[in-house]
Full PDB file with SEQRES, HELIX, SHEET, SSBOND, CRYST1, ORIGX, SCALE, CONECT and MASTER records, all heavy atoms in Angstrom:
SEQRES   1 A   41  ASN TYR ALA ASP SER VAL LYS GLY ARG PHE THR ILE SER          
SEQRES   2 A   41  ARG ASP ASN ALA LYS ASN THR VAL TYR LEU GLN MET ASN          
SEQRES   3 A   41  SER LEU LYS PRO GLU ASP THR ALA VAL TYR TYR CYS ASN          
SEQRES   4 A   41  LEU VAL                                                      
HELIX    1 AA1 PRO A   30  ASP A   32  5                                   3    
SHEET    1 AA1 2 PHE A  10  ASP A  15  0                                        
SHEET    2 AA1 2 THR A  20  MET A  25 -1                                        
CRYST1    1.000    1.000    1.000  90.00  90.00  90.00 P 1           1          
ORIGX1      1.000000  0.000000  0.000000        0.00000                         
ORIGX2      0.000000  1.000000  0.000000        0.00000                         
ORIGX3      0.000000  0.000000  1.000000        0.00000                         
SCALE1      1.000000  0.000000  0.000000        0.00000                         
SCALE2      0.000000  1.000000  0.000000        0.00000                         
SCALE3      0.000000  0.000000  1.000000        0.00000                         
ATOM      1  N   ASN A   1     127.101 122.193 -14.030  1.00  0.00           N  
ATOM      2  CA  ASN A   1     127.521 120.959 -13.399  1.00  0.00           C  
ATOM      3  C   ASN A   1     127.033 119.776 -14.264  1.00  0.00           C  
ATOM      4  O   ASN A   1     125.961 119.813 -14.792  1.00  0.00           O  
ATOM      5  CB  ASN A   1     126.977 120.825 -11.991  1.00  0.00           C  
ATOM      6  CG  ASN A   1     127.657 121.724 -10.978  1.00  0.00           C  
ATOM      7  OD1 ASN A   1     127.271 122.904 -10.863  1.00  0.00           O  
ATOM      8  ND2 ASN A   1     128.683 121.277 -10.371  1.00  0.00           N  
ATOM      9  N   TYR A   2     127.852 118.690 -14.302  1.00  0.00           N  
ATOM     10  CA  TYR A   2     127.577 117.588 -15.111  1.00  0.00           C  
ATOM     11  C   TYR A   2     127.658 116.263 -14.325  1.00  0.00           C  
ATOM     12  O   TYR A   2     128.430 116.142 -13.379  1.00  0.00           O  
ATOM     13  CB  TYR A   2     128.562 117.447 -16.272  1.00  0.00           C  
ATOM     14  CG  TYR A   2     128.544 118.605 -17.213  1.00  0.00           C  
ATOM     15  CD1 TYR A   2     129.344 119.728 -17.015  1.00  0.00           C  
ATOM     16  CD2 TYR A   2     127.756 118.606 -18.361  1.00  0.00           C  
ATOM     17  CE1 TYR A   2     129.357 120.798 -17.872  1.00  0.00           C  
ATOM     18  CE2 TYR A   2     127.754 119.681 -19.240  1.00  0.00           C  
ATOM     19  CZ  TYR A   2     128.557 120.766 -19.006  1.00  0.00           C  
ATOM     20  OH  TYR A   2     128.561 121.819 -19.840  1.00  0.00           O  
ATOM     21  N   ALA A   3     126.839 115.307 -14.735  1.00  0.00           N  
ATOM     22  CA  ALA A   3     127.014 113.982 -14.222  1.00  0.00           C  
ATOM     23  C   ALA A   3     128.361 113.415 -14.708  1.00  0.00           C  
ATOM     24  O   ALA A   3     128.833 113.726 -15.774  1.00  0.00           O  
ATOM     25  CB  ALA A   3     125.899 113.039 -14.689  1.00  0.00           C  
ATOM     26  N   ASP A   4     129.007 112.604 -13.872  1.00  0.00           N  
ATOM     27  CA  ASP A   4     130.313 112.052 -14.242  1.00  0.00           C  
ATOM     28  C   ASP A   4     130.258 111.272 -15.549  1.00  0.00           C  
ATOM     29  O   ASP A   4     131.221 111.259 -16.334  1.00  0.00           O  
ATOM     30  CB  ASP A   4     130.819 111.139 -13.131  1.00  0.00           C  
ATOM     31  CG  ASP A   4     131.294 111.889 -11.885  1.00  0.00           C  
ATOM     32  OD1 ASP A   4     131.508 113.087 -12.012  1.00  0.00           O  
ATOM     33  OD2 ASP A   4     131.379 111.275 -10.833  1.00  0.00           O  
ATOM     34  N   SER A   5     129.138 110.627 -15.813  1.00  0.00           N  
ATOM     35  CA  SER A   5     129.036 109.803 -17.017  1.00  0.00           C  
ATOM     36  C   SER A   5     129.036 110.615 -18.296  1.00  0.00           C  
ATOM     37  O   SER A   5     129.273 109.989 -19.385  1.00  0.00           O  
ATOM     38  CB  SER A   5     127.745 108.957 -16.915  1.00  0.00           C  
ATOM     39  OG  SER A   5     126.609 109.810 -16.824  1.00  0.00           O  
ATOM     40  N   VAL A   6     128.798 111.875 -18.275  1.00  0.00           N  
ATOM     41  CA  VAL A   6     128.757 112.676 -19.482  1.00  0.00           C  
ATOM     42  C   VAL A   6     129.796 113.770 -19.551  1.00  0.00           C  
ATOM     43  O   VAL A   6     129.928 114.428 -20.559  1.00  0.00           O  
ATOM     44  CB  VAL A   6     127.351 113.342 -19.661  1.00  0.00           C  
ATOM     45  CG1 VAL A   6     126.251 112.308 -19.604  1.00  0.00           C  
ATOM     46  CG2 VAL A   6     127.088 114.466 -18.648  1.00  0.00           C  
ATOM     47  N   LYS A   7     130.590 113.933 -18.509  1.00  0.00           N  
ATOM     48  CA  LYS A   7     131.669 114.921 -18.519  1.00  0.00           C  
ATOM     49  C   LYS A   7     132.632 114.676 -19.667  1.00  0.00           C  
ATOM     50  O   LYS A   7     133.069 113.587 -19.938  1.00  0.00           O  
ATOM     51  CB  LYS A   7     132.460 114.888 -17.207  1.00  0.00           C  
ATOM     52  CG  LYS A   7     131.703 115.504 -16.016  1.00  0.00           C  
ATOM     53  CD  LYS A   7     132.532 115.477 -14.743  1.00  0.00           C  
ATOM     54  CE  LYS A   7     131.790 116.154 -13.612  1.00  0.00           C  
ATOM     55  NZ  LYS A   7     132.579 116.080 -12.347  1.00  0.00           N  
ATOM     56  N   GLY A   8     132.938 115.769 -20.368  1.00  0.00           N  
ATOM     57  CA  GLY A   8     133.840 115.659 -21.502  1.00  0.00           C  
ATOM     58  C   GLY A   8     133.164 115.375 -22.819  1.00  0.00           C  
ATOM     59  O   GLY A   8     133.777 115.485 -23.896  1.00  0.00           O  
ATOM     60  N   ARG A   9     131.874 114.917 -22.773  1.00  0.00           N  
ATOM     61  CA  ARG A   9     131.143 114.607 -23.947  1.00  0.00           C  
ATOM     62  C   ARG A   9     129.949 115.518 -24.227  1.00  0.00           C  
ATOM     63  O   ARG A   9     129.638 115.848 -25.365  1.00  0.00           O  
ATOM     64  CB  ARG A   9     130.617 113.134 -23.888  1.00  0.00           C  
ATOM     65  CG  ARG A   9     131.755 112.137 -23.829  1.00  0.00           C  
ATOM     66  CD  ARG A   9     131.161 110.712 -23.955  1.00  0.00           C  
ATOM     67  NE  ARG A   9     130.217 110.411 -22.878  1.00  0.00           N  
ATOM     68  CZ  ARG A   9     128.960 110.051 -23.056  1.00  0.00           C  
ATOM     69  NH1 ARG A   9     128.489 109.993 -24.278  1.00  0.00           N  
ATOM     70  NH2 ARG A   9     128.171 109.732 -22.052  1.00  0.00           N  
ATOM     71  N   PHE A  10     129.305 115.950 -23.170  1.00  0.00           N  
ATOM     72  CA  PHE A  10     128.125 116.798 -23.237  1.00  0.00           C  
ATOM     73  C   PHE A  10     128.463 118.247 -22.788  1.00  0.00           C  
ATOM     74  O   PHE A  10     129.284 118.427 -21.872  1.00  0.00           O  
ATOM     75  CB  PHE A  10     126.996 116.293 -22.347  1.00  0.00           C  
ATOM     76  CG  PHE A  10     126.369 114.994 -22.787  1.00  0.00           C  
ATOM     77  CD1 PHE A  10     126.946 114.201 -23.790  1.00  0.00           C  
ATOM     78  CD2 PHE A  10     125.223 114.558 -22.171  1.00  0.00           C  
ATOM     79  CE1 PHE A  10     126.328 113.020 -24.182  1.00  0.00           C  
ATOM     80  CE2 PHE A  10     124.621 113.359 -22.554  1.00  0.00           C  
ATOM     81  CZ  PHE A  10     125.217 112.591 -23.601  1.00  0.00           C  
ATOM     82  N   THR A  11     127.807 119.190 -23.355  1.00  0.00           N  
ATOM     83  CA  THR A  11     127.953 120.591 -23.003  1.00  0.00           C  
ATOM     84  C   THR A  11     126.600 121.232 -22.871  1.00  0.00           C  
ATOM     85  O   THR A  11     125.737 121.179 -23.808  1.00  0.00           O  
ATOM     86  CB  THR A  11     128.799 121.377 -24.026  1.00  0.00           C  
ATOM     87  OG1 THR A  11     130.108 120.748 -24.174  1.00  0.00           O  
ATOM     88  CG2 THR A  11     128.936 122.832 -23.561  1.00  0.00           C  
ATOM     89  N   ILE A  12     126.312 121.819 -21.714  1.00  0.00           N  
ATOM     90  CA  ILE A  12     125.072 122.546 -21.497  1.00  0.00           C  
ATOM     91  C   ILE A  12     125.324 124.018 -21.647  1.00  0.00           C  
ATOM     92  O   ILE A  12     126.363 124.529 -21.283  1.00  0.00           O  
ATOM     93  CB  ILE A  12     124.452 122.186 -20.128  1.00  0.00           C  
ATOM     94  CG1 ILE A  12     123.032 122.810 -20.003  1.00  0.00           C  
ATOM     95  CG2 ILE A  12     125.321 122.682 -18.980  1.00  0.00           C  
ATOM     96  CD1 ILE A  12     122.283 122.285 -18.788  1.00  0.00           C  
ATOM     97  N   SER A  13     124.385 124.710 -22.275  1.00  0.00           N  
ATOM     98  CA  SER A  13     124.498 126.126 -22.442  1.00  0.00           C  
ATOM     99  C   SER A  13     123.092 126.735 -22.408  1.00  0.00           C  
ATOM    100  O   SER A  13     122.110 126.025 -22.480  1.00  0.00           O  
ATOM    101  CB  SER A  13     125.193 126.498 -23.753  1.00  0.00           C  
ATOM    102  OG  SER A  13     124.466 126.003 -24.828  1.00  0.00           O  
ATOM    103  N   ARG A  14     123.043 128.037 -22.274  1.00  0.00           N  
ATOM    104  CA  ARG A  14     121.732 128.694 -22.287  1.00  0.00           C  
ATOM    105  C   ARG A  14     121.805 130.085 -22.874  1.00  0.00           C  
ATOM    106  O   ARG A  14     122.883 130.727 -22.910  1.00  0.00           O  
ATOM    107  CB  ARG A  14     121.143 128.810 -20.814  1.00  0.00           C  
ATOM    108  CG  ARG A  14     121.970 129.648 -19.862  1.00  0.00           C  
ATOM    109  CD  ARG A  14     121.475 129.493 -18.459  1.00  0.00           C  
ATOM    110  NE  ARG A  14     120.119 130.142 -18.266  1.00  0.00           N  
ATOM    111  CZ  ARG A  14     119.325 129.953 -17.234  1.00  0.00           C  
ATOM    112  NH1 ARG A  14     119.708 129.148 -16.233  1.00  0.00           N  
ATOM    113  NH2 ARG A  14     118.143 130.579 -17.166  1.00  0.00           N  
ATOM    114  N   ASP A  15     120.670 130.488 -23.415  1.00  0.00           N  
ATOM    115  CA  ASP A  15     120.505 131.871 -23.976  1.00  0.00           C  
ATOM    116  C   ASP A  15     119.391 132.511 -23.131  1.00  0.00           C  
ATOM    117  O   ASP A  15     118.243 132.234 -23.352  1.00  0.00           O  
ATOM    118  CB  ASP A  15     120.138 131.775 -25.437  1.00  0.00           C  
ATOM    119  CG  ASP A  15     120.090 133.127 -26.131  1.00  0.00           C  
ATOM    120  OD1 ASP A  15     119.830 134.156 -25.415  1.00  0.00           O  
ATOM    121  OD2 ASP A  15     120.297 133.190 -27.334  1.00  0.00           O  
ATOM    122  N   ASN A  16     119.807 133.360 -22.235  1.00  0.00           N  
ATOM    123  CA  ASN A  16     118.827 133.973 -21.351  1.00  0.00           C  
ATOM    124  C   ASN A  16     117.852 134.894 -22.079  1.00  0.00           C  
ATOM    125  O   ASN A  16     116.666 134.931 -21.669  1.00  0.00           O  
ATOM    126  CB  ASN A  16     119.560 134.753 -20.246  1.00  0.00           C  
ATOM    127  CG  ASN A  16     120.256 133.890 -19.279  1.00  0.00           C  
ATOM    128  OD1 ASN A  16     119.889 132.712 -19.037  1.00  0.00           O  
ATOM    129  ND2 ASN A  16     121.335 134.430 -18.640  1.00  0.00           N  
ATOM    130  N   ALA A  17     118.281 135.507 -23.169  1.00  0.00           N  
ATOM    131  CA  ALA A  17     117.361 136.349 -23.895  1.00  0.00           C  
ATOM    132  C   ALA A  17     116.266 135.551 -24.576  1.00  0.00           C  
ATOM    133  O   ALA A  17     115.151 136.037 -24.750  1.00  0.00           O  
ATOM    134  CB  ALA A  17     118.181 137.142 -24.941  1.00  0.00           C  
ATOM    135  N   LYS A  18     116.553 134.287 -24.910  1.00  0.00           N  
ATOM    136  CA  LYS A  18     115.586 133.452 -25.569  1.00  0.00           C  
ATOM    137  C   LYS A  18     114.939 132.485 -24.641  1.00  0.00           C  
ATOM    138  O   LYS A  18     114.076 131.688 -25.004  1.00  0.00           O  
ATOM    139  CB  LYS A  18     116.245 132.609 -26.702  1.00  0.00           C  
ATOM    140  CG  LYS A  18     116.796 133.490 -27.844  1.00  0.00           C  
ATOM    141  CD  LYS A  18     117.442 132.565 -28.873  1.00  0.00           C  
ATOM    142  CE  LYS A  18     117.949 133.350 -30.050  1.00  0.00           C  
ATOM    143  NZ  LYS A  18     118.590 132.501 -31.091  1.00  0.00           N  
ATOM    144  N   ASN A  19     115.327 132.528 -23.369  1.00  0.00           N  
ATOM    145  CA  ASN A  19     114.801 131.571 -22.330  1.00  0.00           C  
ATOM    146  C   ASN A  19     114.938 130.152 -22.816  1.00  0.00           C  
ATOM    147  O   ASN A  19     114.008 129.342 -22.715  1.00  0.00           O  
ATOM    148  CB  ASN A  19     113.367 131.927 -22.012  1.00  0.00           C  
ATOM    149  CG  ASN A  19     113.183 133.224 -21.313  1.00  0.00           C  
ATOM    150  OD1 ASN A  19     113.919 133.563 -20.392  1.00  0.00           O  
ATOM    151  ND2 ASN A  19     112.148 134.010 -21.682  1.00  0.00           N  
ATOM    152  N   THR A  20     116.088 129.790 -23.356  1.00  0.00           N  
ATOM    153  CA  THR A  20     116.345 128.524 -23.926  1.00  0.00           C  
ATOM    154  C   THR A  20     117.589 127.902 -23.388  1.00  0.00           C  
ATOM    155  O   THR A  20     118.641 128.617 -23.192  1.00  0.00           O  
ATOM    156  CB  THR A  20     116.430 128.630 -25.462  1.00  0.00           C  
ATOM    157  OG1 THR A  20     115.228 129.195 -25.988  1.00  0.00           O  
ATOM    158  CG2 THR A  20     116.666 127.291 -26.102  1.00  0.00           C  
ATOM    159  N   VAL A  21     117.518 126.596 -23.138  1.00  0.00           N  
ATOM    160  CA  VAL A  21     118.716 125.843 -22.700  1.00  0.00           C  
ATOM    161  C   VAL A  21     119.008 124.797 -23.737  1.00  0.00           C  
ATOM    162  O   VAL A  21     118.090 124.228 -24.418  1.00  0.00           O  
ATOM    163  CB  VAL A  21     118.498 125.213 -21.289  1.00  0.00           C  
ATOM    164  CG1 VAL A  21     117.343 124.174 -21.327  1.00  0.00           C  
ATOM    165  CG2 VAL A  21     119.760 124.623 -20.803  1.00  0.00           C  
ATOM    166  N   TYR A  22     120.288 124.491 -23.935  1.00  0.00           N  
ATOM    167  CA  TYR A  22     120.699 123.538 -24.955  1.00  0.00           C  
ATOM    168  C   TYR A  22     121.559 122.418 -24.278  1.00  0.00           C  
ATOM    169  O   TYR A  22     122.208 122.673 -23.280  1.00  0.00           O  
ATOM    170  CB  TYR A  22     121.516 124.209 -26.006  1.00  0.00           C  
ATOM    171  CG  TYR A  22     120.854 125.377 -26.659  1.00  0.00           C  
ATOM    172  CD1 TYR A  22     121.071 126.670 -26.169  1.00  0.00           C  
ATOM    173  CD2 TYR A  22     119.993 125.233 -27.752  1.00  0.00           C  
ATOM    174  CE1 TYR A  22     120.460 127.773 -26.763  1.00  0.00           C  
ATOM    175  CE2 TYR A  22     119.404 126.305 -28.327  1.00  0.00           C  
ATOM    176  CZ  TYR A  22     119.602 127.577 -27.847  1.00  0.00           C  
ATOM    177  OH  TYR A  22     119.013 128.652 -28.418  1.00  0.00           O  
ATOM    178  N   LEU A  23     121.567 121.285 -24.936  1.00  0.00           N  
ATOM    179  CA  LEU A  23     122.458 120.222 -24.501  1.00  0.00           C  
ATOM    180  C   LEU A  23     123.090 119.675 -25.750  1.00  0.00           C  
ATOM    181  O   LEU A  23     122.454 118.981 -26.536  1.00  0.00           O  
ATOM    182  CB  LEU A  23     121.700 119.121 -23.754  1.00  0.00           C  
ATOM    183  CG  LEU A  23     122.589 118.019 -23.206  1.00  0.00           C  
ATOM    184  CD1 LEU A  23     123.502 118.561 -22.047  1.00  0.00           C  
ATOM    185  CD2 LEU A  23     121.785 116.852 -22.667  1.00  0.00           C  
ATOM    186  N   GLN A  24     124.389 119.972 -25.975  1.00  0.00           N  
ATOM    187  CA  GLN A  24     125.137 119.410 -27.070  1.00  0.00           C  
ATOM    188  C   GLN A  24     125.748 118.089 -26.605  1.00  0.00           C  
ATOM    189  O   GLN A  24     126.512 118.016 -25.647  1.00  0.00           O  
ATOM    190  CB  GLN A  24     126.298 120.350 -27.488  1.00  0.00           C  
ATOM    191  CG  GLN A  24     127.152 119.858 -28.616  1.00  0.00           C  
ATOM    192  CD  GLN A  24     126.372 119.727 -29.914  1.00  0.00           C  
ATOM    193  OE1 GLN A  24     125.669 120.650 -30.297  1.00  0.00           O  
ATOM    194  NE2 GLN A  24     126.546 118.627 -30.599  1.00  0.00           N  
ATOM    195  N   MET A  25     125.366 116.992 -27.283  1.00  0.00           N  
ATOM    196  CA  MET A  25     125.771 115.680 -26.929  1.00  0.00           C  
ATOM    197  C   MET A  25     126.685 115.110 -28.032  1.00  0.00           C  
ATOM    198  O   MET A  25     126.230 114.889 -29.138  1.00  0.00           O  
ATOM    199  CB  MET A  25     124.573 114.761 -26.716  1.00  0.00           C  
ATOM    200  CG  MET A  25     123.614 115.293 -25.698  1.00  0.00           C  
ATOM    201  SD  MET A  25     122.268 114.134 -25.331  1.00  0.00           S  
ATOM    202  CE  MET A  25     121.379 114.177 -26.930  1.00  0.00           C  
ATOM    203  N   ASN A  26     127.921 114.909 -27.697  1.00  0.00           N  
ATOM    204  CA  ASN A  26     128.923 114.342 -28.625  1.00  0.00           C  
ATOM    205  C   ASN A  26     129.362 112.956 -28.189  1.00  0.00           C  
ATOM    206  O   ASN A  26     129.183 112.617 -26.991  1.00  0.00           O  
ATOM    207  CB  ASN A  26     130.125 115.261 -28.790  1.00  0.00           C  
ATOM    208  CG  ASN A  26     129.779 116.631 -29.332  1.00  0.00           C  
ATOM    209  OD1 ASN A  26     128.874 116.748 -30.157  1.00  0.00           O  
ATOM    210  ND2 ASN A  26     130.482 117.630 -28.888  1.00  0.00           N  
ATOM    211  N   SER A  27     129.964 112.226 -29.027  1.00  0.00           N  
ATOM    212  CA  SER A  27     130.525 110.880 -28.727  1.00  0.00           C  
ATOM    213  C   SER A  27     129.430 110.037 -28.011  1.00  0.00           C  
ATOM    214  O   SER A  27     129.749 109.436 -26.977  1.00  0.00           O  
ATOM    215  CB  SER A  27     131.757 111.014 -27.884  1.00  0.00           C  
ATOM    216  OG  SER A  27     132.751 111.753 -28.581  1.00  0.00           O  
ATOM    217  N   LEU A  28     128.256 110.067 -28.569  1.00  0.00           N  
ATOM    218  CA  LEU A  28     127.180 109.334 -27.905  1.00  0.00           C  
ATOM    219  C   LEU A  28     127.413 107.810 -27.850  1.00  0.00           C  
ATOM    220  O   LEU A  28     128.024 107.221 -28.747  1.00  0.00           O  
ATOM    221  CB  LEU A  28     125.883 109.581 -28.632  1.00  0.00           C  
ATOM    222  CG  LEU A  28     125.276 110.994 -28.363  1.00  0.00           C  
ATOM    223  CD1 LEU A  28     124.248 111.382 -29.434  1.00  0.00           C  
ATOM    224  CD2 LEU A  28     124.597 110.961 -27.017  1.00  0.00           C  
ATOM    225  N   LYS A  29     126.940 107.253 -26.738  1.00  0.00           N  
ATOM    226  CA  LYS A  29     127.099 105.819 -26.496  1.00  0.00           C  
ATOM    227  C   LYS A  29     125.700 105.224 -26.342  1.00  0.00           C  
ATOM    228  O   LYS A  29     124.716 105.875 -26.019  1.00  0.00           O  
ATOM    229  CB  LYS A  29     127.871 105.605 -25.184  1.00  0.00           C  
ATOM    230  CG  LYS A  29     129.223 106.254 -25.114  1.00  0.00           C  
ATOM    231  CD  LYS A  29     129.818 106.073 -23.737  1.00  0.00           C  
ATOM    232  CE  LYS A  29     131.168 106.766 -23.626  1.00  0.00           C  
ATOM    233  NZ  LYS A  29     131.774 106.645 -22.283  1.00  0.00           N  
ATOM    234  N   PRO A  30     125.589 103.884 -26.622  1.00  0.00           N  
ATOM    235  CA  PRO A  30     124.226 103.226 -26.447  1.00  0.00           C  
ATOM    236  C   PRO A  30     123.699 103.456 -25.028  1.00  0.00           C  
ATOM    237  O   PRO A  30     122.453 103.590 -24.911  1.00  0.00           O  
ATOM    238  CB  PRO A  30     124.566 101.779 -26.708  1.00  0.00           C  
ATOM    239  CG  PRO A  30     125.738 101.800 -27.654  1.00  0.00           C  
ATOM    240  CD  PRO A  30     126.551 102.991 -27.161  1.00  0.00           C  
ATOM    241  N   GLU A  31     124.524 103.554 -24.004  1.00  0.00           N  
ATOM    242  CA  GLU A  31     124.054 103.755 -22.660  1.00  0.00           C  
ATOM    243  C   GLU A  31     123.460 105.119 -22.433  1.00  0.00           C  
ATOM    244  O   GLU A  31     122.912 105.427 -21.392  1.00  0.00           O  
ATOM    245  CB  GLU A  31     125.131 103.461 -21.617  1.00  0.00           C  
ATOM    246  CG  GLU A  31     126.430 104.108 -21.901  1.00  0.00           C  
ATOM    247  CD  GLU A  31     127.445 103.180 -22.601  1.00  0.00           C  
ATOM    248  OE1 GLU A  31     127.015 102.531 -23.612  1.00  0.00           O  
ATOM    249  OE2 GLU A  31     128.618 103.123 -22.158  1.00  0.00           O  
ATOM    250  N   ASP A  32     123.596 106.061 -23.392  1.00  0.00           N  
ATOM    251  CA  ASP A  32     122.983 107.352 -23.341  1.00  0.00           C  
ATOM    252  C   ASP A  32     121.483 107.301 -23.747  1.00  0.00           C  
ATOM    253  O   ASP A  32     120.775 108.301 -23.621  1.00  0.00           O  
ATOM    254  CB  ASP A  32     123.727 108.352 -24.203  1.00  0.00           C  
ATOM    255  CG  ASP A  32     125.091 108.678 -23.741  1.00  0.00           C  
ATOM    256  OD1 ASP A  32     125.316 108.796 -22.514  1.00  0.00           O  
ATOM    257  OD2 ASP A  32     126.018 108.744 -24.582  1.00  0.00           O  
ATOM    258  N   THR A  33     121.084 106.180 -24.292  1.00  0.00           N  
ATOM    259  CA  THR A  33     119.728 106.012 -24.675  1.00  0.00           C  
ATOM    260  C   THR A  33     118.741 106.218 -23.528  1.00  0.00           C  
ATOM    261  O   THR A  33     118.840 105.565 -22.517  1.00  0.00           O  
ATOM    262  CB  THR A  33     119.461 104.643 -25.352  1.00  0.00           C  
ATOM    263  OG1 THR A  33     120.223 104.510 -26.493  1.00  0.00           O  
ATOM    264  CG2 THR A  33     117.997 104.452 -25.659  1.00  0.00           C  
ATOM    265  N   ALA A  34     117.819 107.179 -23.678  1.00  0.00           N  
ATOM    266  CA  ALA A  34     116.888 107.507 -22.629  1.00  0.00           C  
ATOM    267  C   ALA A  34     115.907 108.557 -23.153  1.00  0.00           C  
ATOM    268  O   ALA A  34     116.094 109.127 -24.190  1.00  0.00           O  
ATOM    269  CB  ALA A  34     117.626 108.064 -21.396  1.00  0.00           C  
ATOM    270  N   VAL A  35     114.907 108.829 -22.313  1.00  0.00           N  
ATOM    271  CA  VAL A  35     114.055 109.993 -22.521  1.00  0.00           C  
ATOM    272  C   VAL A  35     114.701 111.136 -21.796  1.00  0.00           C  
ATOM    273  O   VAL A  35     114.989 111.012 -20.557  1.00  0.00           O  
ATOM    274  CB  VAL A  35     112.622 109.774 -22.068  1.00  0.00           C  
ATOM    275  CG1 VAL A  35     111.794 111.019 -22.241  1.00  0.00           C  
ATOM    276  CG2 VAL A  35     111.961 108.628 -22.859  1.00  0.00           C  
ATOM    277  N   TYR A  36     115.000 112.242 -22.461  1.00  0.00           N  
ATOM    278  CA  TYR A  36     115.623 113.363 -21.841  1.00  0.00           C  
ATOM    279  C   TYR A  36     114.568 114.449 -21.531  1.00  0.00           C  
ATOM    280  O   TYR A  36     113.772 114.806 -22.395  1.00  0.00           O  
ATOM    281  CB  TYR A  36     116.679 113.946 -22.787  1.00  0.00           C  
ATOM    282  CG  TYR A  36     117.908 113.125 -22.805  1.00  0.00           C  
ATOM    283  CD1 TYR A  36     117.911 111.826 -23.408  1.00  0.00           C  
ATOM    284  CD2 TYR A  36     119.087 113.612 -22.251  1.00  0.00           C  
ATOM    285  CE1 TYR A  36     119.092 111.066 -23.380  1.00  0.00           C  
ATOM    286  CE2 TYR A  36     120.272 112.802 -22.252  1.00  0.00           C  
ATOM    287  CZ  TYR A  36     120.224 111.559 -22.842  1.00  0.00           C  
ATOM    288  OH  TYR A  36     121.387 110.781 -22.844  1.00  0.00           O  
ATOM    289  N   TYR A  37     114.572 114.926 -20.302  1.00  0.00           N  
ATOM    290  CA  TYR A  37     113.617 115.903 -19.797  1.00  0.00           C  
ATOM    291  C   TYR A  37     114.283 117.177 -19.467  1.00  0.00           C  
ATOM    292  O   TYR A  37     115.332 117.230 -18.839  1.00  0.00           O  
ATOM    293  CB  TYR A  37     112.910 115.363 -18.562  1.00  0.00           C  
ATOM    294  CG  TYR A  37     112.081 114.148 -18.781  1.00  0.00           C  
ATOM    295  CD1 TYR A  37     112.646 112.860 -18.593  1.00  0.00           C  
ATOM    296  CD2 TYR A  37     110.736 114.225 -19.151  1.00  0.00           C  
ATOM    297  CE1 TYR A  37     111.866 111.710 -18.813  1.00  0.00           C  
ATOM    298  CE2 TYR A  37     109.974 113.096 -19.325  1.00  0.00           C  
ATOM    299  CZ  TYR A  37     110.577 111.840 -19.147  1.00  0.00           C  
ATOM    300  OH  TYR A  37     109.766 110.706 -19.361  1.00  0.00           O  
ATOM    301  N   CYS A  38     113.676 118.265 -19.896  1.00  0.00           N  
ATOM    302  CA  CYS A  38     114.143 119.607 -19.527  1.00  0.00           C  
ATOM    303  C   CYS A  38     113.497 120.004 -18.199  1.00  0.00           C  
ATOM    304  O   CYS A  38     112.359 119.665 -17.903  1.00  0.00           O  
ATOM    305  CB  CYS A  38     113.727 120.565 -20.621  1.00  0.00           C  
ATOM    306  SG  CYS A  38     114.213 122.300 -20.320  1.00  0.00           S  
ATOM    307  N   ASN A  39     114.271 120.681 -17.368  1.00  0.00           N  
ATOM    308  CA  ASN A  39     113.836 121.118 -16.040  1.00  0.00           C  
ATOM    309  C   ASN A  39     114.174 122.566 -15.834  1.00  0.00           C  
ATOM    310  O   ASN A  39     115.238 123.034 -16.195  1.00  0.00           O  
ATOM    311  CB  ASN A  39     114.458 120.199 -14.991  1.00  0.00           C  
ATOM    312  CG  ASN A  39     114.200 120.706 -13.561  1.00  0.00           C  
ATOM    313  OD1 ASN A  39     115.140 121.206 -12.878  1.00  0.00           O  
ATOM    314  ND2 ASN A  39     112.984 120.569 -13.092  1.00  0.00           N  
ATOM    315  N   LEU A  40     113.309 123.261 -15.159  1.00  0.00           N  
ATOM    316  CA  LEU A  40     113.544 124.641 -14.728  1.00  0.00           C  
ATOM    317  C   LEU A  40     113.122 124.797 -13.300  1.00  0.00           C  
ATOM    318  O   LEU A  40     112.007 124.464 -12.959  1.00  0.00           O  
ATOM    319  CB  LEU A  40     112.830 125.625 -15.629  1.00  0.00           C  
ATOM    320  CG  LEU A  40     113.099 127.137 -15.357  1.00  0.00           C  
ATOM    321  CD1 LEU A  40     112.972 127.967 -16.623  1.00  0.00           C  
ATOM    322  CD2 LEU A  40     112.171 127.703 -14.304  1.00  0.00           C  
ATOM    323  N   VAL A  41     114.020 125.311 -12.488  1.00  0.00           N  
ATOM    324  CA  VAL A  41     113.694 125.642 -11.103  1.00  0.00           C  
ATOM    325  C   VAL A  41     113.847 127.144 -10.992  1.00  0.00           C  
ATOM    326  O   VAL A  41     114.912 127.713 -11.177  1.00  0.00           O  
ATOM    327  CB  VAL A  41     114.620 124.926 -10.103  1.00  0.00           C  
ATOM    328  CG1 VAL A  41     114.271 125.355  -8.681  1.00  0.00           C  
ATOM    329  CG2 VAL A  41     114.517 123.446 -10.248  1.00  0.00           C  
TER     330      VAL A  41                                                      
MASTER        0    0    0    1    2    0    0    6  329    1    0    4          
END                                                                             
């Protein structure tokens, strides 16, 4: 699931074997500027 503001530009994926999550961010905009935090529940 994605926030509306990033749909079509960002792609989240994961590798369960590596316990790793990725965020591919394309067509970045100045309003994307932020500290990005990883979360696991």
